[in-house]
Amino acid sequence: MIERTLFTPDHESFRDSFRRFMEKEIAPFHADWEEQGYVAREVWNKAGENGFLCMTMPEEYGGSEADKLYSVIQMEELARGGFTGIGFGLHSEIVAPYILHYGTPEQKAKYLPKLASGEMVGAIAMSEPAAGSDLQGIKSTAIQQPDGSYLLNGSKTFITNGWHADLVVVVAKTNPAAGGKGTSLLLVERGMPGFSVGQRLKKMGMKAQDTSELFFDNVRVPAENLLGGAAYENKGFICLMEQLPWERLQIAIGAVSASQAAIDWTVDYVKERKVFGQPVASFQNTRYVLAELQTQVQVARVFVDKCCELIGKDQLDTATASMAKYWTTDLQCKVMDECVQLFGGYGYMWEYPITRAYADARVQRIYGGTNEIMKEVITRSMGLGGK
């Protein structure tokens, strides 16, 4: 295997520390959380107490000013353990960065420390019942009123962390007539009149992740809750596009780590499991399938590590991030399917990690922009844009 050169000894010490946290605070409870459909709220507070939330945020806002590789390690370890109910990545590396990059000084001071401590759980509300990957097609509106506030109406669906969310970055049209150029981002807090959380959605996989519907019925959002203030009104779509490379790379990071974990589980299993009086690993087909999968995952890991290096330099472009997202998630689904096959009947039993990983993997090709959208992004970077 090619030695990874991304991480320093300090990074690896952090990996050990976070693994211990997972072993104590997540692993013993995750199966129960899958049954109830959401993780315990307390795990957010414990993560905050241990400094595992918003690590890349400045110290003045409760973070550690750590480089992104610490978050990469956290994503890898959660994916390796199959702990797909834990929404730390979205909270710390999507929601918080939106506030850090575009928020007013008052917004940063008000919200970032609470996100870092776990006092608040963050979510971002993009997808709607009729608008998923097509962010320009959202119907939610936030019309400014004479007093300067915004009247927010609409609904969102498939919202990760939606059940626990105390703070939601809501994508809405502040100038509906302008299409995508009339989009803004608003900071909506739990408890605002008219804001309600719908049912927790029952999914094929990721059963412990509190994915919910959100409803906004004449929610009066104060002017100071427009992300970035008046300077960013109608510029929300630009903000979304600027952050997408990192968001999509995060999906790729999890895909590679989950794929490697599946291979490792399968190698252990086929060495022990016997059919026709000999280990499953002794059959040529088994060995060749695993050799092919390991080769492809190694190739994917080298590419994703390079993308992580680029994101640290702020040099990762949208097309390359889209390549990483599409390629690794397609591969993840292939790996899970092949590994389930090698497990045989036991690969269909929910108590086996490979079974849950198979179910969890499928959405990776859908969210963050479908893989078909990723291909469209790539072709446009090649000068092959369609209609």
Protein backbone atom coordinates (compact mmCIF):
# COMPACT_ATOMS: atom_id res chain seq x y z
CA MET A 1 0.00 0.00 0.00
CA ILE A 2 1.13 3.54 -0.69
CA GLU A 3 2.06 5.29 2.52
CA ARG A 4 -0.14 8.26 3.29
CA THR A 5 1.82 11.46 3.77
CA LEU A 6 -1.04 13.84 4.59
CA PHE A 7 -0.92 13.54 8.34
CA THR A 8 1.63 14.54 10.97
CA PRO A 9 2.18 12.72 14.29
CA ASP A 10 -0.11 15.33 15.90
CA HIS A 11 -2.85 14.40 13.46
CA GLU A 12 -2.44 10.72 14.28
CA SER A 13 -2.54 11.46 18.01
CA PHE A 14 -5.83 13.21 17.40
CA ARG A 15 -7.07 10.16 15.49
CA ASP A 16 -6.35 7.99 18.53
CA SER A 17 -8.12 10.47 20.79
CA PHE A 18 -11.21 10.62 18.61
CA ARG A 19 -11.30 6.83 18.32
CA ARG A 20 -11.41 6.59 22.10
CA PHE A 21 -14.28 9.07 22.15
CA MET A 22 -16.18 6.99 19.60
CA GLU A 23 -15.55 3.78 21.52
CA LYS A 24 -16.94 5.33 24.70
CA GLU A 25 -19.67 7.71 23.54
CA ILE A 26 -20.88 6.38 20.17
CA ALA A 27 -20.20 2.69 19.52
CA PRO A 28 -22.19 1.28 22.48
CA PHE A 29 -25.29 3.27 21.56
CA HIS A 30 -25.41 3.56 17.79
CA ALA A 31 -27.56 0.47 17.22
CA ASP A 32 -30.16 1.82 19.66
CA TRP A 33 -30.03 5.20 17.93
CA GLU A 34 -30.76 3.46 14.64
CA GLU A 35 -33.88 1.96 16.21
CA GLN A 36 -35.15 5.31 17.48
CA GLY A 37 -34.20 7.23 14.34
CA TYR A 38 -31.86 9.83 15.85
CA VAL A 39 -28.78 10.05 18.04
CA ALA A 40 -28.98 11.19 21.64
CA ARG A 41 -28.76 14.95 21.96
CA GLU A 42 -26.15 14.48 24.71
CA VAL A 43 -23.54 13.20 22.28
CA TRP A 44 -23.41 16.70 20.77
CA ASN A 45 -22.71 18.25 24.16
CA LYS A 46 -20.04 15.65 24.93
CA ALA A 47 -18.37 16.25 21.58
CA GLY A 48 -18.35 19.97 22.29
CA GLU A 49 -16.88 19.45 25.75
CA ASN A 50 -14.05 17.43 24.21
CA GLY A 51 -13.32 20.00 21.51
CA PHE A 52 -14.55 17.80 18.65
CA LEU A 53 -16.93 20.35 17.13
CA CYS A 54 -15.99 23.26 14.87
CA MET A 55 -12.30 22.50 15.30
CA THR A 56 -11.28 24.63 12.32
CA MET A 57 -13.04 27.72 13.63
CA PRO A 58 -10.95 30.55 15.18
CA GLU A 59 -10.25 30.33 18.90
CA GLU A 60 -12.16 33.55 19.53
CA TYR A 61 -15.31 31.69 18.44
CA GLY A 62 -14.69 28.54 20.45
CA GLY A 63 -12.74 26.58 17.87
CA SER A 64 -9.15 25.37 17.84
CA GLU A 65 -8.01 26.99 14.59
CA ALA A 66 -7.05 23.50 13.49
CA ASP A 67 -6.35 22.73 9.86
CA LYS A 68 -8.98 20.84 7.87
CA LEU A 69 -7.06 17.58 8.16
CA TYR A 70 -8.33 17.19 11.72
CA SER A 71 -11.85 17.25 10.36
CA VAL A 72 -10.82 14.84 7.59
CA ILE A 73 -9.64 12.39 10.27
CA GLN A 74 -12.93 12.74 12.12
CA MET A 75 -14.88 12.03 8.92
CA GLU A 76 -12.71 9.02 8.15
CA GLU A 77 -13.10 7.53 11.60
CA LEU A 78 -16.87 7.96 11.71
CA ALA A 79 -17.17 6.37 8.27
CA ARG A 80 -14.81 3.56 9.22
CA GLY A 81 -16.95 2.76 12.24
CA GLY A 82 -20.19 2.93 10.27
CA PHE A 83 -21.46 5.68 12.57
CA THR A 84 -23.57 7.38 9.94
CA GLY A 85 -25.97 8.85 12.48
CA ILE A 86 -23.40 11.37 13.66
CA GLY A 87 -23.83 14.67 11.82
CA PHE A 88 -20.70 16.40 13.11
CA GLY A 89 -19.27 16.98 9.63
CA LEU A 90 -22.23 18.94 8.33
CA HIS A 91 -22.46 20.94 11.57
CA SER A 92 -18.75 21.78 11.84
CA GLU A 93 -17.60 21.88 8.23
CA ILE A 94 -20.64 23.12 6.33
CA VAL A 95 -22.88 25.16 8.62
CA ALA A 96 -20.16 26.83 10.70
CA PRO A 97 -18.01 27.77 7.67
CA TYR A 98 -20.97 29.50 6.02
CA ILE A 99 -21.24 31.72 9.09
CA LEU A 100 -17.47 32.22 9.35
CA HIS A 101 -17.01 33.10 5.67
CA TYR A 102 -20.09 35.19 5.07
CA GLY A 103 -21.53 36.15 8.45
CA THR A 104 -21.42 39.59 10.02
CA PRO A 105 -19.20 40.05 13.10
CA GLU A 106 -22.36 39.95 15.21
CA GLN A 107 -23.54 36.69 13.62
CA LYS A 108 -20.15 35.04 14.14
CA ALA A 109 -20.00 36.09 17.78
CA LYS A 110 -23.56 34.98 18.46
CA TYR A 111 -23.63 31.57 16.80
CA LEU A 112 -20.15 30.09 16.33
CA PRO A 113 -19.34 29.64 20.05
CA LYS A 114 -22.67 27.88 20.58
CA LEU A 115 -22.02 25.57 17.63
CA ALA A 116 -18.52 24.82 18.94
CA SER A 117 -19.79 23.94 22.41
CA GLY A 118 -22.67 21.80 21.19
CA GLU A 119 -25.19 24.14 22.77
CA MET A 120 -26.60 24.56 19.27
CA VAL A 121 -26.87 21.92 16.54
CA GLY A 122 -26.61 23.30 13.02
CA ALA A 123 -28.31 22.28 9.78
CA ILE A 124 -28.57 23.68 6.28
CA ALA A 125 -31.88 23.62 4.43
CA MET A 126 -31.44 23.46 0.67
CA SER A 127 -33.50 20.58 -0.73
CA GLU A 128 -37.24 20.93 -1.24
CA PRO A 129 -39.92 18.45 -2.28
CA ALA A 130 -39.58 19.65 -5.90
CA ALA A 131 -35.96 20.86 -5.85
CA GLY A 132 -33.03 18.64 -4.93
CA SER A 133 -29.87 19.03 -6.99
CA ASP A 134 -31.47 21.95 -8.84
CA LEU A 135 -30.81 24.66 -6.27
CA GLN A 136 -31.97 27.37 -8.65
CA GLY A 137 -35.40 25.76 -8.65
CA ILE A 138 -36.20 26.31 -4.97
CA LYS A 139 -39.62 27.76 -4.20
CA SER A 140 -39.17 28.99 -0.61
CA THR A 141 -39.43 32.75 -0.39
CA ALA A 142 -38.26 35.33 2.12
CA ILE A 143 -39.85 38.65 1.22
CA GLN A 144 -38.57 41.75 2.95
CA GLN A 145 -41.17 43.67 4.96
CA PRO A 146 -41.44 47.41 5.61
CA ASP A 147 -39.73 46.99 8.99
CA GLY A 148 -36.72 45.32 7.33
CA SER A 149 -37.51 41.78 8.49
CA TYR A 150 -38.12 38.89 6.06
CA LEU A 151 -41.30 36.84 5.88
CA LEU A 152 -40.17 33.28 5.18
CA ASN A 153 -42.50 30.72 3.64
CA GLY A 154 -41.83 27.28 2.23
CA SER A 155 -40.80 23.77 3.13
CA LYS A 156 -37.61 21.75 3.05
CA THR A 157 -37.01 18.03 3.04
CA PHE A 158 -34.17 15.50 3.55
CA ILE A 159 -32.56 17.85 6.09
CA THR A 160 -29.67 16.24 7.96
CA ASN A 161 -29.62 17.18 11.67
CA GLY A 162 -33.12 18.55 11.10
CA TRP A 163 -34.67 16.92 14.16
CA HIS A 164 -32.11 18.34 16.59
CA ALA A 165 -31.36 21.55 14.72
CA ASP A 166 -31.30 24.72 16.80
CA LEU A 167 -29.94 26.83 13.94
CA VAL A 168 -30.76 26.34 10.27
CA VAL A 169 -29.15 28.09 7.32
CA VAL A 170 -32.18 28.37 5.04
CA VAL A 171 -31.86 28.90 1.29
CA ALA A 172 -34.73 31.06 0.04
CA LYS A 173 -35.61 33.48 -2.73
CA THR A 174 -35.54 37.09 -1.54
CA ASN A 175 -36.16 38.22 -5.11
CA PRO A 176 -38.15 35.42 -6.77
CA ALA A 177 -38.29 37.21 -10.10
CA ALA A 178 -34.49 37.06 -10.40
CA GLY A 179 -34.24 33.25 -10.24
CA GLY A 180 -30.93 32.01 -8.86
CA LYS A 181 -29.66 35.57 -8.68
CA GLY A 182 -32.39 36.36 -6.16
CA THR A 183 -31.35 33.74 -3.61
CA SER A 184 -30.28 34.56 -0.05
CA LEU A 185 -29.31 32.60 3.07
CA LEU A 186 -31.15 33.22 6.34
CA LEU A 187 -30.30 32.12 9.87
CA VAL A 188 -33.44 30.62 11.39
CA GLU A 189 -33.51 29.58 15.03
CA ARG A 190 -35.59 26.92 16.70
CA GLY A 191 -38.49 28.61 18.45
CA MET A 192 -39.14 31.31 15.87
CA PRO A 193 -42.94 31.46 15.43
CA GLY A 194 -44.02 29.61 12.31
CA PHE A 195 -40.92 27.40 12.13
CA SER A 196 -41.74 23.74 12.75
CA VAL A 197 -39.97 20.43 12.37
CA GLY A 198 -41.92 17.76 10.53
CA GLN A 199 -41.66 14.02 10.79
CA ARG A 200 -38.36 12.20 10.98
CA LEU A 201 -37.99 10.54 7.62
CA LYS A 202 -37.61 6.75 7.54
CA LYS A 203 -34.81 5.90 5.18
CA MET A 204 -33.26 2.88 3.49
CA GLY A 205 -30.05 3.48 5.42
CA MET A 206 -28.42 5.99 7.74
CA LYS A 207 -31.20 5.18 10.14
CA ALA A 208 -29.67 6.96 13.14
CA GLN A 209 -29.27 10.20 11.22
CA ASP A 210 -32.09 12.58 12.17
CA THR A 211 -33.25 13.50 8.69
CA SER A 212 -36.40 15.62 8.81
CA GLU A 213 -38.79 17.87 7.00
CA LEU A 214 -38.83 21.56 7.96
CA PHE A 215 -41.74 23.95 7.51
CA PHE A 216 -41.77 27.74 7.44
CA ASP A 217 -45.17 29.40 7.73
CA ASN A 218 -44.88 33.18 7.78
CA VAL A 219 -41.70 33.02 9.85
CA ARG A 220 -40.61 36.57 10.56
CA VAL A 221 -36.82 36.52 10.31
CA PRO A 222 -35.12 39.66 11.66
CA ALA A 223 -33.03 41.65 9.22
CA GLU A 224 -29.92 40.88 11.31
CA ASN A 225 -30.46 37.17 10.53
CA LEU A 226 -29.82 37.59 6.83
CA LEU A 227 -26.48 35.81 6.53
CA GLY A 228 -23.83 38.42 5.81
CA GLY A 229 -26.27 41.30 6.19
CA ALA A 230 -27.54 43.54 3.40
CA ALA A 231 -24.29 43.13 1.44
CA TYR A 232 -25.15 39.47 0.79
CA GLU A 233 -28.81 39.87 -0.09
CA ASN A 234 -29.52 37.98 -3.33
CA LYS A 235 -25.97 36.58 -3.34
CA GLY A 236 -26.77 33.27 -1.64
CA PHE A 237 -26.32 31.19 -4.78
CA ILE A 238 -22.77 32.47 -5.16
CA CYS A 239 -22.03 31.49 -1.55
CA LEU A 240 -23.45 28.01 -2.14
CA MET A 241 -21.30 27.49 -5.22
CA GLU A 242 -18.14 28.63 -3.42
CA GLN A 243 -18.60 26.06 -0.66
CA LEU A 244 -19.61 23.09 -2.80
CA PRO A 245 -16.07 21.75 -3.54
CA TRP A 246 -15.38 21.20 0.17
CA GLU A 247 -18.86 19.79 0.77
CA ARG A 248 -18.48 17.29 -2.05
CA LEU A 249 -14.98 16.32 -1.00
CA GLN A 250 -16.35 15.47 2.43
CA ILE A 251 -18.64 12.91 0.81
CA ALA A 252 -15.68 11.42 -1.05
CA ILE A 253 -13.62 11.20 2.16
CA GLY A 254 -16.36 9.18 3.83
CA ALA A 255 -16.82 7.01 0.76
CA VAL A 256 -13.19 5.91 0.64
CA SER A 257 -12.99 5.26 4.37
CA ALA A 258 -16.23 3.26 4.41
CA SER A 259 -15.06 1.25 1.40
CA GLN A 260 -11.79 0.35 3.07
CA ALA A 261 -13.61 -0.68 6.23
CA ALA A 262 -15.88 -2.96 4.18
CA ILE A 263 -12.89 -4.63 2.56
CA ASP A 264 -11.23 -5.15 5.93
CA TRP A 265 -14.39 -6.72 7.42
CA THR A 266 -14.72 -8.97 4.39
CA VAL A 267 -11.09 -10.11 4.45
CA ASP A 268 -11.48 -11.12 8.10
CA TYR A 269 -14.76 -12.90 7.36
CA VAL A 270 -13.61 -14.94 4.35
CA LYS A 271 -10.57 -16.17 6.27
CA GLU A 272 -12.83 -17.65 8.96
CA ARG A 273 -15.94 -18.70 7.03
CA LYS A 274 -15.74 -22.19 5.52
CA VAL A 275 -17.70 -23.69 2.64
CA PHE A 276 -17.15 -27.14 1.19
CA GLY A 277 -14.65 -27.70 3.97
CA GLN A 278 -12.32 -24.82 3.16
CA PRO A 279 -12.16 -21.08 3.89
CA VAL A 280 -13.99 -18.83 1.46
CA ALA A 281 -10.67 -16.98 1.07
CA SER A 282 -9.12 -20.04 -0.53
CA PHE A 283 -11.26 -19.69 -3.65
CA GLN A 284 -9.65 -17.81 -6.51
CA ASN A 285 -12.78 -15.79 -7.22
CA THR A 286 -12.81 -14.45 -3.65
CA ARG A 287 -9.17 -13.41 -3.79
CA TYR A 288 -9.46 -11.79 -7.21
CA VAL A 289 -12.59 -9.85 -6.29
CA LEU A 290 -10.91 -8.48 -3.18
CA ALA A 291 -7.73 -7.70 -5.10
CA GLU A 292 -9.72 -5.68 -7.62
CA LEU A 293 -11.63 -3.81 -4.92
CA GLN A 294 -8.50 -3.04 -2.91
CA THR A 295 -6.75 -1.72 -6.00
CA GLN A 296 -9.62 0.59 -6.84
CA VAL A 297 -9.95 1.85 -3.27
CA GLN A 298 -6.20 2.48 -3.13
CA VAL A 299 -6.42 4.53 -6.34
CA ALA A 300 -9.39 6.44 -4.91
CA ARG A 301 -7.59 7.13 -1.65
CA VAL A 302 -4.54 8.59 -3.39
CA PHE A 303 -6.78 10.88 -5.45
CA VAL A 304 -8.85 11.98 -2.45
CA ASP A 305 -5.71 12.59 -0.39
CA LYS A 306 -4.48 14.86 -3.18
CA CYS A 307 -7.81 16.69 -3.11
CA CYS A 308 -7.46 17.11 0.65
CA GLU A 309 -4.03 18.60 0.08
CA LEU A 310 -5.52 21.02 -2.45
CA ILE A 311 -8.43 22.05 -0.21
CA GLY A 312 -5.92 22.95 2.48
CA LYS A 313 -4.34 25.36 -0.01
CA ASP A 314 -7.74 26.62 -1.21
CA GLN A 315 -6.92 25.23 -4.67
CA LEU A 316 -9.59 22.54 -5.12
CA ASP A 317 -11.78 23.44 -8.09
CA THR A 318 -15.40 22.44 -8.53
CA ALA A 319 -14.81 19.99 -11.37
CA THR A 320 -12.13 18.04 -9.49
CA ALA A 321 -14.28 17.87 -6.37
CA SER A 322 -17.13 16.61 -8.53
CA MET A 323 -14.85 13.92 -9.97
CA ALA A 324 -13.94 12.82 -6.45
CA LYS A 325 -17.53 12.74 -5.28
CA TYR A 326 -18.89 10.83 -8.26
CA TRP A 327 -16.04 8.34 -8.63
CA THR A 328 -15.68 7.40 -4.98
CA THR A 329 -19.38 7.04 -4.28
CA ASP A 330 -19.92 4.87 -7.36
CA LEU A 331 -16.99 2.80 -6.12
CA GLN A 332 -18.38 2.68 -2.59
CA CYS A 333 -21.63 1.16 -3.83
CA LYS A 334 -19.71 -1.38 -5.91
CA VAL A 335 -17.50 -2.34 -2.96
CA MET A 336 -20.47 -2.80 -0.66
CA ASP A 337 -22.32 -4.95 -3.18
CA GLU A 338 -19.33 -7.22 -3.83
CA CYS A 339 -18.57 -7.57 -0.14
CA VAL A 340 -22.18 -8.44 0.72
CA GLN A 341 -21.96 -11.15 -1.93
CA LEU A 342 -18.85 -12.61 -0.31
CA PHE A 343 -20.61 -12.66 3.06
CA GLY A 344 -23.35 -14.76 1.51
CA GLY A 345 -26.57 -15.03 3.51
CA TYR A 346 -25.00 -13.30 6.48
CA GLY A 347 -24.42 -10.27 4.31
CA TYR A 348 -28.19 -9.81 4.28
CA MET A 349 -28.50 -9.81 8.06
CA TRP A 350 -28.88 -6.38 9.67
CA GLU A 351 -26.69 -7.21 12.67
CA TYR A 352 -23.65 -7.43 10.37
CA PRO A 353 -21.88 -4.10 9.75
CA ILE A 354 -21.52 -4.88 6.04
CA THR A 355 -25.30 -5.01 5.67
CA ARG A 356 -25.80 -1.63 7.27
CA ALA A 357 -22.90 -0.21 5.25
CA TYR A 358 -24.58 -1.47 2.06
CA ALA A 359 -27.79 0.36 2.93
CA ASP A 360 -25.95 3.49 4.09
CA ALA A 361 -23.89 3.76 0.91
CA ARG A 362 -26.68 4.17 -1.62
CA VAL A 363 -27.54 7.78 -0.77
CA GLN A 364 -23.95 8.87 -1.37
CA ARG A 365 -24.61 8.89 -5.11
CA ILE A 366 -27.63 11.14 -4.58
CA TYR A 367 -26.98 13.85 -2.02
CA GLY A 368 -24.50 16.68 -2.38
CA GLY A 369 -25.66 16.78 -5.99
CA THR A 370 -26.45 13.54 -7.82
CA ASN A 371 -23.62 11.82 -9.63
CA GLU A 372 -25.33 12.71 -12.91
CA ILE A 373 -25.03 16.38 -11.90
CA MET A 374 -21.36 15.76 -11.06
CA LYS A 375 -20.78 14.52 -14.61
CA GLU A 376 -22.53 17.58 -15.98
CA VAL A 377 -20.23 19.83 -13.92
CA ILE A 378 -17.19 17.95 -15.23
CA THR A 379 -18.28 18.15 -18.87
CA ARG A 380 -18.84 21.89 -18.59
CA SER A 381 -15.28 22.30 -17.29
CA MET A 382 -14.21 20.53 -20.48
CA GLY A 383 -16.10 22.97 -22.67
CA LEU A 384 -18.81 20.41 -23.40
CA GLY A 385 -21.76 22.09 -21.69
CA GLY A 386 -25.19 20.98 -22.82
CA LYS A 387 -28.41 22.95 -22.94
